[in-house]
Protein backbone atom coordinates (compact mmCIF):
# COMPACT_ATOMS: atom_id res chain seq x y z
CA UNK A 1 47.63 9.79 -37.12
CA UNK A 2 44.51 11.76 -36.35
CA UNK A 3 42.16 8.89 -37.18
CA UNK A 4 44.22 6.57 -34.97
CA UNK A 5 43.87 9.01 -32.08
CA UNK A 6 40.10 9.27 -32.65
CA UNK A 7 39.79 5.48 -32.79
CA UNK A 8 41.73 5.11 -29.54
CA UNK A 9 39.60 7.76 -27.83
CA UNK A 10 36.35 6.15 -28.98
CA UNK A 11 37.56 2.77 -27.74
CA UNK A 12 38.42 4.26 -24.36
CA UNK A 13 34.99 5.84 -24.06
CA UNK A 14 33.37 2.53 -24.95
CA UNK A 15 35.37 0.66 -22.33
CA UNK A 16 34.61 3.17 -19.57
CA UNK A 17 30.90 3.42 -20.31
CA UNK A 18 29.07 1.50 -17.62
CA UNK A 19 25.79 -0.27 -18.18
CA UNK A 20 23.11 0.31 -15.56
CA UNK A 21 22.84 -2.61 -13.16
CA UNK A 22 19.25 -1.66 -12.33
CA UNK A 23 16.55 0.38 -14.05
CA UNK A 24 13.41 1.94 -12.63
CA UNK A 25 10.45 3.22 -14.61
CA UNK A 26 8.14 5.38 -12.50
CA UNK A 27 4.67 5.67 -13.94
CA UNK A 28 1.95 8.11 -13.06
CA UNK A 29 0.45 5.61 -10.60
CA UNK A 30 3.26 6.12 -8.08
CA UNK A 31 3.56 9.87 -8.61
CA UNK A 32 -0.17 10.40 -8.23
CA UNK A 33 -0.14 8.50 -4.96
CA UNK A 34 2.84 10.42 -3.59
CA UNK A 35 1.46 13.85 -4.48
CA UNK A 36 -1.95 13.05 -3.01
CA UNK A 37 -0.32 11.68 0.15
CA UNK A 38 1.80 14.83 0.41
CA UNK A 39 -1.29 17.01 0.11
CA UNK A 40 -3.05 15.01 2.81
CA UNK A 41 -0.07 14.88 5.18
CA UNK A 42 0.90 18.52 4.89
CA UNK A 43 -2.61 20.10 4.95
CA UNK A 44 -0.83 22.75 2.98
CA UNK A 45 -3.84 24.22 1.15
CA UNK A 46 -5.66 24.78 4.41
CA UNK A 47 -2.60 26.51 5.83
CA UNK A 48 -2.17 28.71 2.80
CA UNK A 49 -5.86 29.60 2.70
CA UNK A 50 -5.76 30.51 6.38
CA UNK A 51 -3.00 33.00 5.63
CA UNK A 52 -5.20 34.64 3.01
CA UNK A 53 -7.32 36.12 5.79
CA UNK A 54 -4.36 37.52 7.71
CA UNK A 55 -2.98 41.00 7.32
CA UNK A 56 0.17 41.00 5.23
CA UNK A 57 2.78 43.75 4.91
CA UNK A 58 2.03 46.08 2.02
CA UNK A 59 -1.49 44.77 1.58
CA UNK A 60 -4.02 47.62 1.47
CA UNK A 61 -7.43 47.13 3.09
CA UNK A 62 -10.33 46.62 0.72
CA UNK A 63 -12.95 49.24 0.91
CA UNK A 64 -16.39 47.92 1.65
CA UNK A 65 -15.18 44.64 3.19
CA UNK A 66 -14.02 43.97 6.75
CA UNK A 67 -13.18 40.91 8.92
CA UNK A 68 -11.91 39.03 5.91
CA UNK A 69 -11.60 35.25 6.47
CA UNK A 70 -11.08 32.14 4.37
CA UNK A 71 -12.78 28.80 5.08
CA UNK A 72 -14.17 25.64 3.51
CA UNK A 73 -11.21 24.75 1.35
CA UNK A 74 -12.39 22.15 -1.14
CA UNK A 75 -10.71 18.79 -1.48
CA UNK A 76 -8.18 19.34 -4.24
CA UNK A 77 -8.39 17.52 -7.55
CA UNK A 78 -4.86 16.87 -8.81
CA UNK A 79 -4.04 16.11 -12.41
CA UNK A 80 -0.54 15.53 -13.73
CA UNK A 81 1.11 14.72 -17.02
CA UNK A 82 4.67 13.96 -18.04
CA UNK A 83 6.66 16.57 -19.94
CA UNK A 84 9.36 14.76 -21.97
CA UNK A 85 12.83 15.97 -21.10
CA UNK A 86 11.52 18.25 -18.34
CA UNK A 87 9.49 16.59 -15.60
CA UNK A 88 5.83 16.75 -14.63
CA UNK A 89 3.12 19.33 -15.31
CA UNK A 90 0.79 19.64 -12.33
CA UNK A 91 -2.62 21.24 -11.92
CA UNK A 92 -4.34 21.47 -8.54
CA UNK A 93 -8.03 22.38 -8.77
CA UNK A 94 -9.56 23.56 -5.53
CA UNK A 95 -11.85 26.20 -4.09
CA UNK A 96 -12.54 28.17 -0.96
CA UNK A 97 -15.10 30.44 0.61
CA UNK A 98 -14.04 33.98 1.50
CA UNK A 99 -16.20 35.65 4.11
CA UNK A 100 -16.45 39.12 5.63
CA UNK A 101 -18.80 41.97 6.35
CA UNK A 102 -19.91 44.37 3.69
CA UNK A 103 -20.17 48.08 4.32
CA UNK A 104 -23.95 47.55 4.48
CA UNK A 105 -23.43 45.50 7.64
CA UNK A 106 -24.48 42.18 6.20
CA UNK A 107 -22.44 39.00 5.97
CA UNK A 108 -20.69 38.49 2.69
CA UNK A 109 -19.56 35.21 1.08
CA UNK A 110 -17.52 34.83 -2.04
CA UNK A 111 -16.97 31.30 -3.32
CA UNK A 112 -13.82 31.03 -5.42
CA UNK A 113 -12.81 28.07 -7.62
CA UNK A 114 -9.26 28.14 -8.86
CA UNK A 115 -6.49 26.13 -10.52
CA UNK A 116 -2.88 26.17 -9.41
CA UNK A 117 -0.58 25.09 -12.23
CA UNK A 118 3.18 24.56 -12.26
CA UNK A 119 5.94 22.67 -14.03
CA UNK A 120 7.82 20.34 -11.67
CA UNK A 121 11.26 20.02 -13.21
CA UNK A 122 13.14 16.80 -12.39
CA UNK A 123 16.77 17.41 -11.43
CA UNK A 124 19.63 15.73 -9.62
CA UNK A 125 20.75 17.34 -6.38
CA UNK A 126 24.40 18.30 -6.78
CA UNK A 127 25.23 17.68 -3.11
CA UNK A 128 23.43 14.39 -2.48
CA UNK A 129 23.20 13.00 -6.01
CA UNK A 130 19.51 12.26 -5.38
CA UNK A 131 16.58 13.05 -7.69
CA UNK A 132 14.59 16.13 -6.81
CA UNK A 133 11.61 18.06 -8.15
CA UNK A 134 11.66 21.85 -8.40
CA UNK A 135 8.60 23.86 -9.34
CA UNK A 136 8.69 26.52 -12.03
CA UNK A 137 6.17 28.93 -13.58
CA UNK A 138 3.45 28.63 -10.95
CA UNK A 139 0.19 30.39 -11.84
CA UNK A 140 -3.18 30.75 -10.10
CA UNK A 141 -6.10 30.79 -12.52
CA UNK A 142 -9.52 31.84 -11.28
CA UNK A 143 -12.17 29.53 -12.69
CA UNK A 144 -15.27 31.03 -11.13
CA UNK A 145 -16.38 33.52 -8.46
CA UNK A 146 -19.80 33.53 -6.81
CA UNK A 147 -21.11 35.91 -4.16
CA UNK A 148 -24.21 36.43 -2.06
CA UNK A 149 -24.01 40.22 -2.39
CA UNK A 150 -26.76 42.03 -4.27
CA UNK A 151 -26.20 42.07 -7.99
CA UNK A 152 -25.93 45.86 -8.09
CA UNK A 153 -22.82 45.57 -5.91
CA UNK A 154 -20.99 43.14 -8.13
CA UNK A 155 -19.26 45.50 -10.52
CA UNK A 156 -17.97 47.77 -7.80
CA UNK A 157 -17.19 45.52 -4.86
CA UNK A 158 -16.43 42.09 -6.27
CA UNK A 159 -14.35 43.33 -9.19
CA UNK A 160 -12.36 45.51 -6.86
CA UNK A 161 -11.90 42.52 -4.56
CA UNK A 162 -10.62 40.45 -7.46
CA UNK A 163 -8.28 43.13 -8.74
CA UNK A 164 -6.95 44.22 -5.37
CA UNK A 165 -6.76 40.90 -3.55
CA UNK A 166 -7.28 37.63 -5.38
CA UNK A 167 -5.24 38.33 -8.49
CA UNK A 168 -2.44 39.89 -6.49
CA UNK A 169 -2.41 37.94 -3.24
CA UNK A 170 -3.45 34.39 -4.10
CA UNK A 171 -0.40 33.53 -6.23
CA UNK A 172 1.92 34.49 -3.36
CA UNK A 173 -0.22 32.51 -0.95
CA UNK A 174 -1.14 29.43 -2.96
CA UNK A 175 1.97 28.79 -5.11
CA UNK A 176 4.02 27.89 -2.03
CA UNK A 177 1.61 24.96 -1.68
CA UNK A 178 3.24 23.38 -4.73
CA UNK A 179 6.70 23.90 -3.25
CA UNK A 180 5.61 22.47 0.09
CA UNK A 181 4.21 19.35 -1.57
CA UNK A 182 7.45 18.83 -3.47
CA UNK A 183 9.39 19.07 -0.21
CA UNK A 184 7.37 16.10 1.04
CA UNK A 185 7.88 14.17 -2.18
CA UNK A 186 11.62 14.93 -2.31
CA UNK A 187 12.03 13.61 1.23
CA UNK A 188 10.82 10.23 -0.01
CA UNK A 189 14.05 9.98 -2.07
CA UNK A 190 16.25 10.66 0.96
CA UNK A 191 17.29 7.04 1.69
CA UNK A 192 17.71 5.98 -1.92
CA UNK A 193 21.50 5.97 -2.05
CA UNK A 194 22.11 4.89 1.54
CA UNK A 195 24.07 1.62 1.94
CA UNK A 196 21.76 -1.26 2.90
CA UNK A 197 23.09 -4.38 4.64
CA UNK A 198 23.11 -7.90 3.26
CA UNK A 199 23.35 -9.72 6.56
CA UNK A 200 26.89 -9.40 7.92
CA UNK A 201 28.47 -9.91 4.49
CA UNK A 202 28.35 -6.43 3.03
CA UNK A 203 26.12 -3.68 1.67
CA UNK A 204 24.27 -2.68 -1.48
CA UNK A 205 23.92 0.95 -2.53
CA UNK A 206 21.73 2.25 -5.36
CA UNK A 207 23.63 5.15 -6.96
CA UNK A 208 22.19 7.23 -9.80
CA UNK A 209 24.12 7.07 -13.06
CA UNK A 210 22.72 10.37 -14.31
CA UNK A 211 19.79 12.74 -14.09
CA UNK A 212 16.55 10.72 -14.45
CA UNK A 213 14.94 11.08 -17.86
CA UNK A 214 11.30 11.89 -18.49
CA UNK A 215 9.33 10.51 -21.41
CA UNK A 216 5.68 10.95 -22.33
CA UNK A 217 4.78 7.85 -20.28
CA UNK A 218 7.19 7.55 -17.36
CA UNK A 219 10.31 8.70 -15.56
CA UNK A 220 13.31 6.40 -15.98
CA UNK A 221 16.01 6.16 -13.33
CA UNK A 222 19.26 4.36 -14.21
CA UNK A 223 21.24 2.95 -11.30
CA UNK A 224 24.88 1.96 -11.03
CA UNK A 225 24.64 -0.20 -7.89
CA UNK A 226 27.61 -0.41 -5.54
CA UNK A 227 28.05 -3.86 -3.97
CA UNK A 228 30.59 -3.74 -1.18
CA UNK A 229 32.02 -6.47 1.02
CA UNK A 230 32.14 -6.03 4.77
CA UNK A 231 35.91 -5.55 4.51
CA UNK A 232 35.33 -2.56 2.25
CA UNK A 233 36.18 -4.08 -1.12
CA UNK A 234 33.75 -3.27 -3.92
CA UNK A 235 32.59 -6.09 -6.19
CA UNK A 236 32.80 -5.04 -9.82
CA UNK A 237 29.67 -5.65 -11.87
CA UNK A 238 30.20 -7.46 -15.14
CA UNK A 239 28.89 -5.98 -18.37
CA UNK A 240 25.11 -6.15 -18.08
CA UNK A 241 24.79 -6.87 -21.80
CA UNK A 242 22.67 -3.83 -22.63
CA UNK A 243 19.64 -4.83 -20.57
CA UNK A 244 16.45 -2.89 -21.14
CA UNK A 245 12.75 -3.11 -20.45
CA UNK A 246 10.48 -4.92 -22.88
CA UNK A 247 8.23 -2.75 -25.01
CA UNK A 248 4.97 -4.15 -23.62
CA UNK A 249 4.60 -1.26 -21.18
CA UNK A 250 1.27 -0.88 -19.37
CA UNK A 251 0.47 2.84 -19.51
CA UNK A 252 0.72 4.52 -16.12
CA UNK A 253 2.43 1.59 -14.37
CA UNK A 254 5.83 1.31 -12.70
CA UNK A 255 8.46 -1.41 -12.86
CA UNK A 256 11.97 -2.21 -11.64
CA UNK A 257 14.61 -4.16 -13.56
CA UNK A 258 17.52 -5.94 -11.87
CA UNK A 259 20.18 -7.23 -14.22
CA UNK A 260 21.69 -10.70 -13.95
CA UNK A 261 25.09 -8.99 -13.57
CA UNK A 262 23.84 -7.08 -10.53
CA UNK A 263 22.36 -10.21 -8.92
CA UNK A 264 25.65 -12.01 -9.62
CA UNK A 265 27.55 -9.31 -7.72
CA UNK A 266 25.13 -9.53 -4.79
CA UNK A 267 25.52 -13.30 -4.58
CA UNK A 268 29.29 -12.86 -4.56
CA UNK A 269 28.83 -11.37 -1.09
CA UNK A 270 27.62 -14.80 0.06
CA UNK A 271 30.25 -16.92 -1.69
CA UNK A 272 32.09 -17.90 1.51
CA UNK A 273 28.80 -19.09 3.00
CA UNK A 274 28.39 -21.45 0.05
CA UNK A 275 31.31 -23.55 1.36
CA UNK A 276 29.69 -26.42 3.26
CA UNK A 277 31.02 -29.34 5.29
CA UNK A 278 28.55 -32.18 5.91
CA UNK A 279 29.33 -34.62 8.72
CA UNK A 280 25.90 -36.21 9.20
CA UNK A 281 25.63 -39.90 8.39
CA UNK A 282 21.84 -39.87 7.88
CA UNK A 283 20.54 -37.13 5.58
CA UNK A 284 16.96 -37.06 4.42
CA UNK A 285 16.19 -40.00 2.14
CA UNK A 286 19.83 -40.62 1.24
CA UNK A 287 21.44 -43.96 2.05
CA UNK A 288 23.85 -43.84 5.03
CA UNK A 289 26.86 -41.67 4.25
CA UNK A 290 29.45 -44.38 4.94
CA UNK A 291 32.27 -46.16 3.14
CA UNK A 292 29.93 -49.10 2.53
CA UNK A 293 27.58 -46.94 0.45
CA UNK A 294 30.46 -45.31 -1.40
CA UNK A 295 32.02 -48.71 -2.15
CA UNK A 296 28.94 -49.53 -4.23
CA UNK A 297 30.24 -46.99 -6.74
CA UNK A 298 33.99 -47.26 -6.13
CA UNK A 299 34.99 -50.83 -5.16
CA UNK A 300 38.49 -49.68 -4.11
CA UNK A 301 36.92 -47.97 -1.08
CA UNK A 302 35.96 -51.37 0.34
CA UNK A 303 39.51 -52.60 -0.17
CA UNK A 304 40.91 -49.64 1.75
CA UNK A 305 38.23 -49.70 4.45
CA UNK A 306 36.74 -53.16 4.98
CA UNK A 307 34.78 -51.94 8.02
CA UNK A 308 32.11 -49.23 7.68
CA UNK A 309 33.37 -45.74 8.36
CA UNK A 310 31.36 -42.48 8.33
CA UNK A 311 32.01 -40.04 5.51
CA UNK A 312 32.58 -36.30 5.69
CA UNK A 313 31.93 -34.25 2.56
CA UNK A 314 33.39 -30.78 1.97
CA UNK A 315 32.13 -28.55 -0.87
CA UNK A 316 34.14 -25.43 -1.65
CA UNK A 317 33.03 -22.85 -4.22
CA UNK A 318 36.24 -21.51 -5.75
CA UNK A 319 34.78 -19.21 -8.42
CA UNK A 320 32.30 -16.37 -7.90
CA UNK A 321 28.68 -17.53 -8.34
CA UNK A 322 27.11 -16.44 -11.60
CA UNK A 323 23.46 -15.79 -12.44
CA UNK A 324 22.15 -16.32 -15.96
CA UNK A 325 18.65 -15.63 -17.20
CA UNK A 326 16.58 -16.69 -20.15
CA UNK A 327 12.90 -15.93 -20.52
CA UNK A 328 11.11 -17.77 -17.72
CA UNK A 329 14.21 -19.40 -16.20
CA UNK A 330 17.10 -18.27 -14.01
CA UNK A 331 20.14 -20.36 -13.09
CA UNK A 332 22.86 -20.03 -10.49
CA UNK A 333 26.16 -21.49 -11.74
CA UNK A 334 28.52 -22.86 -9.09
CA UNK A 335 32.09 -24.05 -9.75
CA UNK A 336 34.13 -25.68 -7.04
CA UNK A 337 35.48 -28.83 -5.50
CA UNK A 338 33.87 -31.73 -3.66
CA UNK A 339 36.21 -33.52 -1.30
CA UNK A 340 35.20 -36.69 0.50
CA UNK A 341 36.88 -37.84 3.71
CA UNK A 342 36.76 -40.87 5.96
CA UNK A 343 36.10 -39.84 9.55
CA UNK A 344 38.28 -41.26 12.31
CA UNK A 345 37.75 -41.62 16.05
CA UNK A 346 39.57 -40.15 19.05
CA UNK A 347 39.88 -36.69 17.57
CA UNK A 348 42.09 -37.74 14.70
CA UNK A 349 41.72 -35.68 11.51
CA UNK A 350 39.71 -37.28 8.70
CA UNK A 351 41.52 -38.91 5.77
CA UNK A 352 40.90 -37.54 2.30
CA UNK A 353 39.64 -40.09 -0.22
CA UNK A 354 39.45 -37.89 -3.32
CA UNK A 355 38.86 -34.38 -4.61
CA UNK A 356 36.50 -33.77 -7.53
CA UNK A 357 36.24 -30.63 -9.65
CA UNK A 358 32.56 -29.94 -10.12
CA UNK A 359 30.23 -27.56 -11.93
CA UNK A 360 26.50 -27.60 -11.24
CA UNK A 361 23.52 -25.32 -11.77
CA UNK A 362 20.75 -24.40 -9.37
CA UNK A 363 17.45 -23.09 -10.63
CA UNK A 364 16.38 -19.90 -8.83
CA UNK A 365 12.84 -18.99 -7.83
CA UNK A 366 12.36 -15.33 -6.91
CA UNK A 367 9.93 -13.68 -4.52
CA UNK A 368 9.68 -10.53 -2.40
CA UNK A 369 9.27 -10.53 1.36
CA UNK A 370 9.45 -7.46 3.60
CA UNK A 371 10.65 -5.42 0.62
CA UNK A 372 13.69 -7.64 0.05
CA UNK A 373 14.32 -9.86 -2.93
CA UNK A 374 14.30 -13.50 -1.84
CA UNK A 375 15.74 -16.50 -3.66
CA UNK A 376 15.17 -20.21 -3.21
CA UNK A 377 16.95 -22.82 -5.28
CA UNK A 378 16.61 -26.37 -6.49
CA UNK A 379 19.14 -28.52 -8.33
CA UNK A 380 18.88 -28.07 -12.07
CA UNK A 381 21.77 -30.17 -13.32
CA UNK A 382 25.15 -31.57 -12.39
CA UNK A 383 27.19 -30.54 -15.41
CA UNK A 384 30.62 -31.98 -14.79
CA UNK A 385 32.73 -34.10 -12.45
CA UNK A 386 36.46 -34.56 -12.88
CA UNK A 387 38.98 -36.11 -10.55
CA UNK A 388 41.69 -33.78 -9.26
CA UNK A 389 43.30 -36.15 -6.76
CA UNK A 390 42.64 -39.52 -5.11
CA UNK A 391 44.26 -41.47 -2.25
CA UNK A 392 42.62 -44.71 -3.38
CA UNK A 393 43.92 -44.68 -6.94
CA UNK A 394 42.12 -43.99 -10.20
CA UNK A 395 38.39 -44.61 -10.59
CA UNK A 396 35.62 -43.64 -13.02
CA UNK A 397 34.13 -40.50 -11.47
CA UNK A 398 31.13 -40.63 -13.82
CA UNK A 399 29.84 -43.55 -11.76
CA UNK A 400 29.41 -41.07 -8.90
CA UNK A 401 27.09 -38.79 -10.89
CA UNK A 402 23.86 -40.13 -9.39
CA UNK A 403 25.32 -40.35 -5.88
CA UNK A 404 26.65 -36.76 -6.00
CA UNK A 405 23.45 -35.44 -7.59
CA UNK A 406 21.34 -36.89 -4.77
CA UNK A 407 23.79 -35.55 -2.20
CA UNK A 408 23.60 -32.02 -3.61
CA UNK A 409 19.81 -32.10 -3.64
CA UNK A 410 19.35 -33.50 -0.13
CA UNK A 411 22.36 -32.12 1.78
CA UNK A 412 23.75 -29.09 -0.02
CA UNK A 413 20.73 -27.22 -1.44
CA UNK A 414 18.96 -26.85 1.96
CA UNK A 415 22.06 -25.16 3.38
CA UNK A 416 22.25 -22.78 0.40
CA UNK A 417 18.58 -21.89 0.79
CA UNK A 418 19.15 -21.09 4.46
CA UNK A 419 21.98 -18.75 3.48
CA UNK A 420 19.80 -17.05 0.86
CA UNK A 421 17.11 -16.21 3.43
CA UNK A 422 19.10 -13.05 4.20
CA UNK A 423 17.48 -11.47 1.11
CA UNK A 424 18.70 -8.56 -0.98
CA UNK A 425 17.55 -4.95 -0.48
CA UNK A 426 15.50 -3.15 -3.11
CA UNK A 427 15.64 0.63 -3.77
CA UNK A 428 14.21 2.61 -0.85
CA UNK A 429 12.21 5.39 -2.48
CA UNK A 430 8.76 6.97 -2.47
CA UNK A 431 7.44 4.52 0.16
CA UNK A 432 7.47 1.82 -2.48
CA UNK A 433 5.82 -1.45 -1.44
CA UNK A 434 7.53 -4.22 -3.39
CA UNK A 435 5.67 -7.05 -1.67
CA UNK A 436 2.82 -6.86 -4.18
CA UNK A 437 5.08 -6.91 -7.23
CA UNK A 438 4.60 -9.44 -10.01
CA UNK A 439 7.98 -10.92 -10.99
CA UNK A 440 9.02 -11.86 -14.52
CA UNK A 441 12.29 -13.44 -15.63
CA UNK A 442 13.36 -11.94 -18.94
CA UNK A 443 16.54 -12.05 -21.01
CA UNK A 444 19.42 -11.29 -18.60
CA UNK A 445 17.16 -9.54 -16.09
CA UNK A 446 14.50 -9.88 -13.42
CA UNK A 447 11.58 -7.44 -13.78
CA UNK A 448 9.35 -6.45 -10.88
CA UNK A 449 6.01 -5.10 -12.11
CA UNK A 450 5.06 -2.87 -9.19
CA UNK A 451 1.52 -2.80 -7.81
CA UNK A 452 0.05 -0.22 -5.45
CA UNK A 453 -2.68 -2.48 -4.06
């Protein structure tokens, strides 16, 4: 009995385990940019250095030095490396000039070069569910100290300055710079899980599955996207099929993976808009959409309507759209009905000629515009036509294959492409610019190789 219980429990865990609908690998390129931008935007080192010259509670004056000031903070050099399972190790190398007056009355300058080091642990905020960095183990390491004081004053004055001030005060002053930078970086995650609209049809929300993981080369973020209709109903993602990134990773780069299952759920938001009624008689290069043209394929139409009558064609998609992907090619599968009517005058309703069950594929081309994923389609193949009903009696529907194929290409596909112009939102994080991304279609997924410039 025990093994049966274990088997049942394992099966339950397998069934409830969700595959990520989207994956993000953040390389050092993005993190370097964000940390440098945070340093520039916050001017935090300058602020901290300015405080070094201010009187602080409990700080004893230094004998032999007065009017202490800090200036000329050097442009920081920032180096970072990933710490597997932890986060990011960060070292900020900078320097400053400390000035004052010596007891001899002359101006004194001490040029200090230092390193600020810390471990930035990557966590998940319990309240918001968002990623966040938190610094740990900050240290200030003095690299060099130079002074313009006479050499015979060095042992007494400079060493006392180091012992009494720099070694004791600088960590309290400079380590908050790391925390302040992380505040800026953490703010860039703030909108990540916010619902983003897909036109008027619904929203997409990128929700973290778990705490992001850190490897020696990148940070990986697994998403469980929430696709919700305007009415509030969530669209369940199908099993993603264990999608994962290819192993040909370019060191230091970043990339985003969107599974075919996720794109399928997003397109389900637009399913109602894929129902199209075409009333135009002249469409592109097609022959006139009249009973005369149709009679060339189905002679019984001419018997029922000896005089030319305009046609109305209604396409209804009765199954959710489905995206499939093989290396280099992506298809959109559409299942539905095609009903053809004869239009009548004086406001009378059209008369149905026949209803065909149909299945056809559209090939999808992907691009990014204004940080939204865009799709355009072209007809790949009409896979099946079968007659459901007919008011003109039986006929061989296969004879309509060419006629229907041309109709889909000229009349239906342009409408679908107009609908798809709404675009689909991409994760809003770290000021990511997706417009420069290089897109690759892989097995069951679309991969965006992210570029900074």
